[in-house]
Amino acid sequence: MRKNMKKSGILRIGLKLLISDKTKFSALLIGISFAVFLMTQMTAMFAGILNRAHSTVTNIGAAMWIIDPAVNTPTSSVPLPDYLLDIMRSMEGVEYALPLFIGGAQLRLASGTYQGVTVVGLDDASLFGRPELEQGQLQDIYADDSFFVVNDAEYGKLENPALGSTFELNDHRGVIAGIAKVASNGLNGVPTLYTTYSRAIEYIPSTRFTLSYILVKPSNAEAIANIKRNVSQLGYLALTREEFSKRITDFYTYKTGIGTNILLMTVISFLVGLSISGQTFYSFITENVEKFGALKAIGAKGSDLIVMILGMALLTSMTGFGLGIGLVTITVTLVRTVLPNYAAMITFLNLALALCMVIIIAAVSSWFAIRRVLKIEPFDIFRS
């Protein structure tokens, strides 16, 4: 009991000592908060980019995707031979296999301007992967020249079309028959249109092979390995939804400059926070060296002073962490109201990474401070 009271008393002394120097305490909070803000902001942007990178896979929702081995992103498909669809439909363990077309096109809008779009062609019979409609009826997709438009951050680039709005696509007339919403917005900054597979390959020029992907539902979990093996023997890849999403994530992380640049900015933010907090905390200890010497003189042990410094560092770090996370949350929320296509998103992984870095900052700052305090001799303090 006495030992616990002693430790709590030491911590209270450290707290009062820290807060009494408002300038140093404020500088510590600002440095750590700023570092946490930058680190979390960078990683939140990266998480948002990766989430949108595989938005097509998320929105379509197929259990398995048959792709060409060269494919890294859903919008950069390599056409598959038409006979592969028949093979998949007759393969053991496949409950059904459906065609999917994804391609880019230029629309000529009613105002005469041109706008690039992504066109998704769904299986005519099932319309598997269709978005949820906000306006219009599902059966309207089968009417002549009909398309569904996704109401997302890029919707305004099509001049906010209403039901019945028309456009021109490769000398073909197109009509907006429905306005839809999807679970995840795209990354490339272009609007998305949905239509039937047959209309998509008719309106958009392509190679002799028109299949972008084959969507497969395995009959059971045990059939997945068999499907993968058989498709691999044909020279193609069969990936589950999670595997395809990871393939896309790995591509953006390791094979583009996005991952490297975000990592570099995060490291710089960490070093900024470490240098500011470390320097400020060490300066605080140096300026109060007489007080630590006095504590030693009245019986405080080295372990007591270590507990005090760790408590001070922990309090400052956790307070700065909370302020930084709060600032990031406010910033992301406000920016999203102004820029709907802002991709940043805060995840538990972002928070955990920032927390680990803050703990490292606190540990390094404490280490230098502890080394300085343990060298203090009470005799030298009172002699001076």
Protein backbone atom coordinates (compact mmCIF):
# COMPACT_ATOMS: atom_id res chain seq x y z
CA MET A 1 0.00 0.00 0.00
CA ARG A 2 2.80 2.41 0.97
CA LYS A 3 4.65 1.54 -2.19
CA ASN A 4 1.60 2.26 -4.34
CA MET A 5 1.03 5.53 -2.50
CA LYS A 6 4.65 6.45 -3.06
CA LYS A 7 4.40 5.78 -6.78
CA SER A 8 1.17 7.74 -7.06
CA GLY A 9 2.76 10.62 -5.15
CA ILE A 10 5.73 10.63 -7.50
CA LEU A 11 3.39 10.69 -10.49
CA ARG A 12 1.43 13.62 -9.04
CA ILE A 13 4.62 15.56 -8.52
CA GLY A 14 5.66 14.87 -12.10
CA LEU A 15 2.26 15.94 -13.38
CA LYS A 16 2.37 19.22 -11.48
CA LEU A 17 5.93 19.80 -12.61
CA LEU A 18 4.98 19.20 -16.22
CA ILE A 19 1.81 21.30 -16.28
CA SER A 20 3.42 24.18 -14.38
CA ASP A 21 5.70 24.82 -17.36
CA LYS A 22 2.90 25.75 -19.76
CA THR A 23 5.23 26.71 -22.59
CA LYS A 24 7.06 23.40 -22.71
CA PHE A 25 3.89 21.41 -22.11
CA SER A 26 2.12 23.20 -24.97
CA ALA A 27 5.09 22.69 -27.27
CA LEU A 28 5.10 18.97 -26.49
CA LEU A 29 1.38 18.65 -27.18
CA ILE A 30 1.62 20.62 -30.42
CA GLY A 31 4.58 18.58 -31.68
CA ILE A 32 2.99 15.20 -30.97
CA SER A 33 -0.46 16.28 -32.16
CA PHE A 34 0.99 17.58 -35.42
CA ALA A 35 2.95 14.36 -35.97
CA VAL A 36 -0.12 12.21 -35.25
CA PHE A 37 -2.19 14.38 -37.57
CA LEU A 38 0.26 14.00 -40.45
CA MET A 39 0.83 10.26 -39.92
CA THR A 40 -2.86 9.44 -39.65
CA GLN A 41 -3.77 11.74 -42.54
CA MET A 42 -1.26 10.07 -44.83
CA THR A 43 -2.27 6.54 -43.92
CA ALA A 44 -5.97 7.47 -44.11
CA MET A 45 -5.48 8.72 -47.66
CA PHE A 46 -3.68 5.50 -48.55
CA ALA A 47 -6.45 3.38 -47.02
CA GLY A 48 -9.06 5.35 -48.94
CA ILE A 49 -7.18 4.92 -52.21
CA LEU A 50 -6.84 1.17 -51.71
CA ASN A 51 -10.50 0.84 -50.76
CA ARG A 52 -11.56 2.57 -53.95
CA ALA A 53 -9.02 0.70 -56.05
CA HIS A 54 -11.02 -2.54 -55.71
CA SER A 55 -14.43 -0.84 -55.66
CA THR A 56 -15.49 -2.72 -58.81
CA VAL A 57 -14.85 -6.06 -57.13
CA THR A 58 -16.76 -4.90 -54.06
CA ASN A 59 -19.72 -3.56 -56.01
CA ILE A 60 -20.10 -6.58 -58.31
CA GLY A 61 -19.88 -8.98 -55.39
CA ALA A 62 -18.98 -12.16 -57.29
CA ALA A 63 -17.54 -15.04 -55.25
CA MET A 64 -14.85 -15.84 -57.84
CA TRP A 65 -13.33 -14.01 -60.80
CA ILE A 66 -11.70 -15.63 -63.83
CA ILE A 67 -9.04 -13.24 -65.14
CA ASP A 68 -6.05 -13.11 -67.45
CA PRO A 69 -2.76 -13.37 -65.49
CA ALA A 70 -1.72 -9.94 -66.80
CA VAL A 71 -4.64 -8.15 -65.10
CA ASN A 72 -3.77 -5.99 -62.09
CA THR A 73 -6.79 -3.67 -61.85
CA PRO A 74 -10.45 -4.29 -62.79
CA THR A 75 -10.60 -1.38 -65.24
CA SER A 76 -7.55 -2.65 -67.17
CA SER A 77 -8.93 -5.98 -68.27
CA VAL A 78 -7.41 -8.33 -70.84
CA PRO A 79 -10.20 -9.93 -72.94
CA LEU A 80 -10.84 -13.63 -72.40
CA PRO A 81 -11.76 -16.02 -75.24
CA ASP A 82 -15.47 -16.69 -75.55
CA TYR A 83 -15.02 -20.46 -75.34
CA LEU A 84 -13.69 -20.09 -71.80
CA LEU A 85 -17.19 -19.19 -70.63
CA ASP A 86 -18.55 -22.49 -71.97
CA ILE A 87 -15.71 -24.38 -70.31
CA MET A 88 -16.45 -22.74 -66.97
CA ARG A 89 -20.13 -23.51 -67.19
CA SER A 90 -19.39 -27.19 -67.72
CA MET A 91 -16.64 -27.41 -65.11
CA GLU A 92 -17.20 -29.60 -62.08
CA GLY A 93 -17.87 -27.58 -58.93
CA VAL A 94 -19.21 -24.51 -60.76
CA GLU A 95 -22.79 -23.61 -59.91
CA TYR A 96 -22.93 -20.89 -62.54
CA ALA A 97 -20.58 -18.76 -64.67
CA LEU A 98 -21.57 -15.36 -66.06
CA PRO A 99 -19.94 -12.91 -68.47
CA LEU A 100 -18.93 -9.39 -67.45
CA PHE A 101 -17.79 -6.53 -69.65
CA ILE A 102 -15.88 -3.50 -68.34
CA GLY A 103 -14.67 -0.91 -70.80
CA GLY A 104 -14.04 2.78 -71.29
CA ALA A 105 -15.96 5.03 -73.65
CA GLN A 106 -16.44 8.67 -74.59
CA LEU A 107 -19.93 10.14 -74.27
CA ARG A 108 -21.18 13.15 -76.16
CA LEU A 109 -23.54 14.86 -73.78
CA ALA A 110 -26.61 16.91 -74.65
CA SER A 111 -24.58 20.11 -74.31
CA GLY A 112 -22.10 18.90 -76.93
CA THR A 113 -19.25 18.27 -74.50
CA TYR A 114 -17.45 14.94 -74.20
CA GLN A 115 -16.90 12.93 -71.05
CA GLY A 116 -15.08 9.67 -70.47
CA VAL A 117 -16.99 6.95 -68.63
CA THR A 118 -16.62 3.37 -67.50
CA VAL A 119 -19.29 1.08 -68.92
CA VAL A 120 -20.14 -2.13 -67.08
CA GLY A 121 -22.03 -4.75 -69.10
CA LEU A 122 -23.98 -7.24 -66.97
CA ASP A 123 -25.21 -10.68 -67.94
CA ASP A 124 -28.44 -10.12 -69.89
CA ALA A 125 -30.44 -12.88 -68.23
CA SER A 126 -29.50 -12.42 -64.57
CA LEU A 127 -28.09 -8.86 -64.38
CA PHE A 128 -25.80 -10.23 -61.68
CA GLY A 129 -23.79 -7.45 -60.02
CA ARG A 130 -26.42 -4.80 -60.71
CA PRO A 131 -26.38 -1.69 -58.49
CA GLU A 132 -29.21 -0.67 -56.20
CA LEU A 133 -31.59 1.70 -57.96
CA GLU A 134 -32.56 5.05 -56.47
CA GLN A 135 -34.79 5.97 -59.41
CA GLY A 136 -36.22 3.88 -62.25
CA GLN A 137 -37.24 0.25 -62.61
CA LEU A 138 -34.91 -2.71 -63.08
CA GLN A 139 -36.72 -4.00 -66.18
CA ASP A 140 -36.12 -0.64 -67.89
CA ILE A 141 -32.56 -1.77 -68.61
CA TYR A 142 -33.95 -3.99 -71.37
CA ALA A 143 -35.52 -1.06 -73.23
CA ASP A 144 -33.75 0.25 -76.32
CA ASP A 145 -30.54 2.19 -75.66
CA SER A 146 -30.99 2.03 -71.86
CA PHE A 147 -28.27 2.63 -69.27
CA PHE A 148 -28.17 3.03 -65.50
CA VAL A 149 -25.95 5.82 -64.19
CA VAL A 150 -24.27 5.69 -60.77
CA ASN A 151 -25.03 8.65 -58.53
CA ASP A 152 -21.63 9.13 -56.91
CA ALA A 153 -19.00 11.85 -56.68
CA GLU A 154 -18.52 11.79 -60.47
CA TYR A 155 -22.24 12.10 -61.26
CA GLY A 156 -21.99 15.83 -61.91
CA LYS A 157 -19.50 15.28 -64.73
CA LEU A 158 -22.41 13.94 -66.78
CA GLU A 159 -24.28 17.22 -66.16
CA ASN A 160 -26.49 15.61 -63.49
CA PRO A 161 -28.67 13.58 -65.86
CA ALA A 162 -32.27 12.79 -64.94
CA LEU A 163 -34.39 9.85 -66.08
CA GLY A 164 -34.85 10.11 -69.82
CA SER A 165 -31.68 12.15 -70.41
CA THR A 166 -29.92 11.20 -73.64
CA PHE A 167 -26.32 11.06 -74.81
CA GLU A 168 -24.33 9.71 -77.74
CA LEU A 169 -21.89 6.81 -77.49
CA ASN A 170 -19.97 5.88 -80.64
CA ASP A 171 -22.83 7.12 -82.86
CA HIS A 172 -25.32 5.19 -80.74
CA ARG A 173 -28.07 6.90 -78.80
CA GLY A 174 -28.10 6.24 -75.06
CA VAL A 175 -30.88 6.91 -72.58
CA ILE A 176 -30.66 7.14 -68.78
CA ALA A 177 -33.23 4.61 -67.60
CA GLY A 178 -32.20 4.48 -63.97
CA ILE A 179 -30.13 6.27 -61.33
CA ALA A 180 -28.28 3.91 -59.01
CA LYS A 181 -25.97 3.86 -56.02
CA VAL A 182 -23.09 1.55 -55.22
CA ALA A 183 -21.32 0.47 -52.06
CA SER A 184 -17.94 1.99 -52.98
CA ASN A 185 -17.01 4.85 -55.29
CA GLY A 186 -14.39 4.40 -57.96
CA LEU A 187 -10.80 5.62 -57.92
CA ASN A 188 -10.24 6.83 -61.47
CA GLY A 189 -12.49 9.88 -61.31
CA VAL A 190 -14.81 8.91 -64.17
CA PRO A 191 -18.58 8.29 -64.05
CA THR A 192 -19.91 4.74 -64.29
CA LEU A 193 -22.73 3.42 -66.47
CA TYR A 194 -24.34 -0.02 -66.25
CA THR A 195 -26.09 -1.77 -69.11
CA THR A 196 -26.57 -5.27 -70.48
CA TYR A 197 -23.62 -7.29 -71.73
CA SER A 198 -24.95 -7.53 -75.28
CA ARG A 199 -25.52 -3.78 -75.52
CA ALA A 200 -22.09 -2.98 -74.08
CA ILE A 201 -20.20 -5.08 -76.63
CA GLU A 202 -22.38 -3.68 -79.41
CA TYR A 203 -21.83 -0.04 -78.52
CA ILE A 204 -18.14 -0.18 -77.56
CA PRO A 205 -15.53 -1.32 -80.09
CA SER A 206 -13.38 -4.20 -78.86
CA THR A 207 -11.15 -7.03 -80.02
CA ARG A 208 -12.54 -10.30 -81.31
CA PHE A 209 -12.79 -11.44 -77.70
CA THR A 210 -15.32 -9.43 -75.69
CA LEU A 211 -15.24 -11.07 -72.28
CA SER A 212 -13.55 -8.88 -69.69
CA TYR A 213 -14.13 -11.30 -66.82
CA ILE A 214 -16.06 -14.43 -65.98
CA LEU A 215 -17.94 -14.40 -62.69
CA VAL A 216 -18.19 -17.78 -61.03
CA LYS A 217 -20.07 -19.15 -58.07
CA PRO A 218 -18.57 -22.38 -56.75
CA SER A 219 -21.01 -25.04 -55.64
CA ASN A 220 -19.27 -25.24 -52.24
CA ALA A 221 -16.12 -24.13 -50.49
CA GLU A 222 -14.31 -27.37 -51.30
CA ALA A 223 -14.79 -26.78 -55.04
CA ILE A 224 -12.72 -23.58 -55.04
CA ALA A 225 -9.36 -25.37 -55.08
CA ASN A 226 -10.48 -27.62 -57.93
CA ILE A 227 -11.68 -24.63 -59.97
CA LYS A 228 -8.40 -22.81 -59.41
CA ARG A 229 -6.39 -25.83 -60.51
CA ASN A 230 -8.43 -26.44 -63.67
CA VAL A 231 -8.41 -22.77 -64.68
CA SER A 232 -4.67 -22.58 -64.09
CA GLN A 233 -4.15 -25.49 -66.49
CA LEU A 234 -5.97 -23.43 -69.14
CA GLY A 235 -3.52 -20.55 -68.64
CA TYR A 236 -5.77 -18.24 -66.62
CA LEU A 237 -6.36 -17.31 -63.00
CA ALA A 238 -9.33 -18.04 -60.77
CA LEU A 239 -9.38 -15.75 -57.76
CA THR A 240 -11.82 -15.36 -54.92
CA ARG A 241 -13.19 -11.89 -54.21
CA GLU A 242 -10.73 -11.41 -51.37
CA GLU A 243 -7.77 -12.64 -53.44
CA PHE A 244 -8.61 -10.33 -56.34
CA SER A 245 -8.96 -7.38 -53.96
CA LYS A 246 -5.58 -8.20 -52.42
CA ARG A 247 -4.01 -8.48 -55.88
CA ILE A 248 -5.26 -4.98 -56.68
CA THR A 249 -4.09 -3.65 -53.32
CA ASP A 250 -0.62 -5.14 -53.78
CA PHE A 251 -0.38 -3.60 -57.24
CA TYR A 252 -1.08 -0.08 -55.98
CA THR A 253 1.11 -0.58 -52.93
CA TYR A 254 4.22 -2.07 -54.48
CA LYS A 255 4.07 -1.44 -58.24
CA THR A 256 3.04 2.20 -58.33
CA GLY A 257 4.48 5.30 -56.67
CA ILE A 258 1.47 5.66 -54.37
CA GLY A 259 2.68 3.30 -51.66
CA THR A 260 6.26 4.62 -51.70
CA ASN A 261 5.21 8.27 -51.53
CA ILE A 262 2.71 7.70 -48.72
CA LEU A 263 5.27 5.67 -46.75
CA LEU A 264 7.88 8.40 -47.19
CA MET A 265 5.51 11.10 -45.97
CA THR A 266 4.53 8.96 -42.97
CA VAL A 267 8.17 8.42 -42.02
CA ILE A 268 8.88 12.15 -42.36
CA SER A 269 5.89 12.93 -40.12
CA PHE A 270 7.20 10.44 -37.56
CA LEU A 271 10.66 11.98 -37.59
CA VAL A 272 9.20 15.48 -37.22
CA GLY A 273 7.20 14.42 -34.18
CA LEU A 274 10.15 12.54 -32.70
CA SER A 275 12.54 15.46 -33.11
CA ILE A 276 10.15 18.08 -31.74
CA SER A 277 8.95 16.07 -28.75
CA GLY A 278 12.38 14.62 -27.97
CA GLN A 279 14.11 17.99 -28.04
CA THR A 280 11.37 19.71 -26.07
CA PHE A 281 11.14 16.98 -23.43
CA TYR A 282 14.91 16.86 -22.98
CA SER A 283 14.98 20.64 -22.68
CA PHE A 284 12.27 20.45 -20.03
CA ILE A 285 14.28 17.92 -18.01
CA THR A 286 17.44 20.04 -18.30
CA GLU A 287 15.70 23.18 -17.09
CA ASN A 288 14.27 21.33 -14.08
CA VAL A 289 17.36 19.37 -13.18
CA GLU A 290 17.53 21.07 -9.75
CA LYS A 291 14.08 19.78 -8.86
CA PHE A 292 15.01 16.22 -9.76
CA GLY A 293 18.17 16.59 -7.72
CA ALA A 294 16.12 17.78 -4.76
CA LEU A 295 13.85 14.75 -5.07
CA LYS A 296 16.90 12.51 -5.00
CA ALA A 297 18.19 14.33 -1.96
CA ILE A 298 15.00 13.66 0.03
CA GLY A 299 15.09 9.96 -0.75
CA ALA A 300 13.63 9.41 -4.22
CA LYS A 301 15.26 6.43 -5.89
CA GLY A 302 16.27 6.18 -9.50
CA SER A 303 13.34 3.85 -10.16
CA ASP A 304 10.98 6.50 -8.75
CA LEU A 305 12.33 9.12 -11.13
CA ILE A 306 12.04 6.70 -14.05
CA VAL A 307 8.38 6.11 -13.17
CA MET A 308 7.85 9.88 -13.00
CA ILE A 309 9.42 10.52 -16.40
CA LEU A 310 7.56 7.65 -18.03
CA GLY A 311 4.30 8.93 -16.55
CA MET A 312 4.97 12.43 -17.86
CA ALA A 313 5.85 11.12 -21.31
CA LEU A 314 2.83 8.82 -21.39
CA LEU A 315 0.44 11.61 -20.37
CA THR A 316 1.82 13.99 -22.97
CA SER A 317 1.87 11.37 -25.73
CA MET A 318 -1.66 10.10 -25.14
CA THR A 319 -3.04 13.64 -24.89
CA GLY A 320 -1.26 14.58 -28.13
CA PHE A 321 -2.49 11.36 -29.74
CA GLY A 322 -6.09 12.17 -28.85
CA LEU A 323 -5.79 15.74 -30.11
CA GLY A 324 -4.18 14.60 -33.36
CA ILE A 325 -6.82 11.94 -34.06
CA GLY A 326 -9.56 14.43 -33.29
CA LEU A 327 -8.04 16.94 -35.69
CA VAL A 328 -7.77 14.32 -38.45
CA THR A 329 -11.38 13.26 -37.95
CA ILE A 330 -12.62 16.83 -38.17
CA THR A 331 -10.48 17.51 -41.24
CA VAL A 332 -11.64 14.39 -43.12
CA THR A 333 -15.27 15.11 -42.28
CA LEU A 334 -15.09 18.74 -43.39
CA VAL A 335 -13.19 18.00 -46.60
CA ARG A 336 -15.67 15.29 -47.58
CA THR A 337 -18.52 17.79 -47.36
CA VAL A 338 -16.71 20.02 -49.86
CA LEU A 339 -15.04 17.34 -52.02
CA PRO A 340 -17.25 14.23 -52.28
CA ASN A 341 -14.53 12.32 -54.16
CA TYR A 342 -12.03 12.73 -51.30
CA ALA A 343 -10.84 9.19 -50.66
CA ALA A 344 -9.39 9.35 -47.13
CA MET A 345 -10.84 6.95 -44.58
CA ILE A 346 -9.75 6.29 -40.98
CA THR A 347 -9.47 2.62 -40.09
CA PHE A 348 -8.47 0.74 -36.95
CA LEU A 349 -5.18 -0.10 -38.65
CA ASN A 350 -4.46 3.62 -39.16
CA LEU A 351 -5.16 4.30 -35.50
CA ALA A 352 -3.05 1.35 -34.35
CA LEU A 353 -0.12 2.43 -36.53
CA ALA A 354 -0.29 6.01 -35.23
CA LEU A 355 -0.52 4.75 -31.65
CA CYS A 356 2.55 2.54 -32.10
CA MET A 357 4.53 5.45 -33.52
CA VAL A 358 3.45 7.71 -30.65
CA ILE A 359 4.56 5.07 -28.15
CA ILE A 360 7.94 4.91 -29.91
CA ILE A 361 8.20 8.72 -29.76
CA ALA A 362 7.41 8.64 -26.04
CA ALA A 363 9.88 5.81 -25.41
CA VAL A 364 12.77 7.51 -27.23
CA SER A 365 12.08 10.87 -25.59
CA SER A 366 11.91 9.20 -22.17
CA TRP A 367 15.14 7.32 -22.75
CA PHE A 368 17.18 10.49 -23.28
CA ALA A 369 15.47 12.18 -20.33
CA ILE A 370 16.03 9.20 -18.03
CA ARG A 371 19.72 9.07 -18.91
CA ARG A 372 20.06 12.73 -17.97
CA VAL A 373 18.14 12.41 -14.68
CA LEU A 374 19.98 9.30 -13.48
CA LYS A 375 23.30 11.16 -13.79
CA ILE A 376 22.15 13.89 -11.41
CA GLU A 377 23.93 13.95 -8.05
CA PRO A 378 22.16 15.80 -5.22
CA PHE A 379 25.50 17.05 -3.88
CA ASP A 380 26.22 18.86 -7.15
CA ILE A 381 22.81 20.49 -7.14
CA PHE A 382 23.04 21.90 -3.63
CA ARG A 383 26.68 22.88 -4.06
CA SER A 384 25.79 25.05 -7.04
